[in-house]
Amino acid sequence: MISYQPLWDTMKKKGVTTYALIYKHNFSPYTITNLKRGKSITLYTLEKLCKALDCQINDVVAFLPDEE
C-alpha cells in the first residue's frame, strides 16, 4: 500500500500549503484531491512534487506492506 503521509509531513516542515501547490506550482485541484484520498498518481506528478518541494521521492511517498 502507498502512503502519502510523508508528503503532508514534508509540506508542513517546508511551510508549503495545498493552495501553494495549486496556484504557485500549477497542480490541479483534482490531483490534490487524489493525494488526499490516497489514490494513485503518475510518475510525472511525483517528479513535479519532488521539484516543487525540493525533496526526494521518499519525502513524498512511503510503501507500507500489506498485513496478512
Protein backbone atom coordinates (compact mmCIF):
# COMPACT_ATOMS: atom_id res chain seq x y z
CA MET A 1 0.00 0.00 0.00
CA ILE A 2 1.22 3.51 -0.78
CA SER A 3 1.00 6.27 1.82
CA TYR A 4 1.30 9.98 1.12
CA GLN A 5 1.85 10.82 4.79
CA PRO A 6 5.49 11.75 4.07
CA LEU A 7 4.18 14.36 1.60
CA TRP A 8 2.00 16.05 4.20
CA ASP A 9 4.86 15.96 6.72
CA THR A 10 7.30 17.43 4.16
CA MET A 11 4.83 20.15 3.19
CA LYS A 12 4.31 21.09 6.84
CA LYS A 13 8.06 21.14 7.51
CA LYS A 14 8.69 23.36 4.47
CA GLY A 15 5.66 25.58 5.05
CA VAL A 16 4.02 24.70 1.72
CA THR A 17 0.22 24.56 1.55
CA THR A 18 -2.03 22.78 -0.92
CA TYR A 19 -3.06 26.28 -2.04
CA ALA A 20 0.57 26.98 -2.98
CA LEU A 21 0.81 23.69 -4.88
CA ILE A 22 -2.27 24.61 -6.89
CA TYR A 23 -1.63 28.30 -7.55
CA LYS A 24 2.16 28.61 -7.41
CA HIS A 25 3.23 25.23 -8.78
CA ASN A 26 0.26 24.61 -11.11
CA PHE A 27 -1.04 21.35 -9.67
CA SER A 28 -4.66 20.66 -10.48
CA PRO A 29 -7.14 20.58 -7.59
CA TYR A 30 -8.12 17.12 -8.86
CA THR A 31 -4.55 15.88 -8.25
CA ILE A 32 -4.56 17.30 -4.73
CA THR A 33 -7.90 15.57 -4.06
CA ASN A 34 -6.46 12.28 -5.31
CA LEU A 35 -3.49 12.67 -2.98
CA LYS A 36 -5.76 13.40 -0.02
CA ARG A 37 -7.81 10.28 -0.82
CA GLY A 38 -4.69 8.10 -1.19
CA LYS A 39 -5.31 7.40 -4.86
CA SER A 40 -2.59 6.72 -7.40
CA ILE A 41 -0.61 9.45 -9.14
CA THR A 42 1.66 9.36 -12.16
CA LEU A 43 5.43 9.36 -12.02
CA TYR A 44 5.29 12.74 -13.73
CA THR A 45 3.24 14.11 -10.82
CA LEU A 46 5.63 12.52 -8.34
CA GLU A 47 8.57 14.16 -10.12
CA LYS A 48 6.75 17.50 -10.17
CA LEU A 49 6.06 17.25 -6.42
CA CYS A 50 9.73 16.50 -5.71
CA LYS A 51 10.81 19.51 -7.76
CA ALA A 52 8.24 21.83 -6.17
CA LEU A 53 9.21 20.75 -2.65
CA ASP A 54 12.93 20.30 -3.40
CA CYS A 55 12.90 16.82 -1.90
CA GLN A 56 13.39 13.13 -2.69
CA ILE A 57 10.75 10.54 -3.56
CA ASN A 58 10.79 9.06 -0.05
CA ASP A 59 9.80 12.52 1.24
CA VAL A 60 6.55 12.21 -0.75
CA VAL A 61 5.51 8.55 -0.63
CA ALA A 62 6.07 5.53 1.58
CA PHE A 63 5.44 1.89 0.81
CA LEU A 64 3.56 0.09 3.55
CA PRO A 65 3.48 -3.68 3.14
CA ASP A 66 0.06 -5.31 3.38
CA GLU A 67 -0.58 -7.04 6.67
CA GLU A 68 -1.84 -10.58 6.40
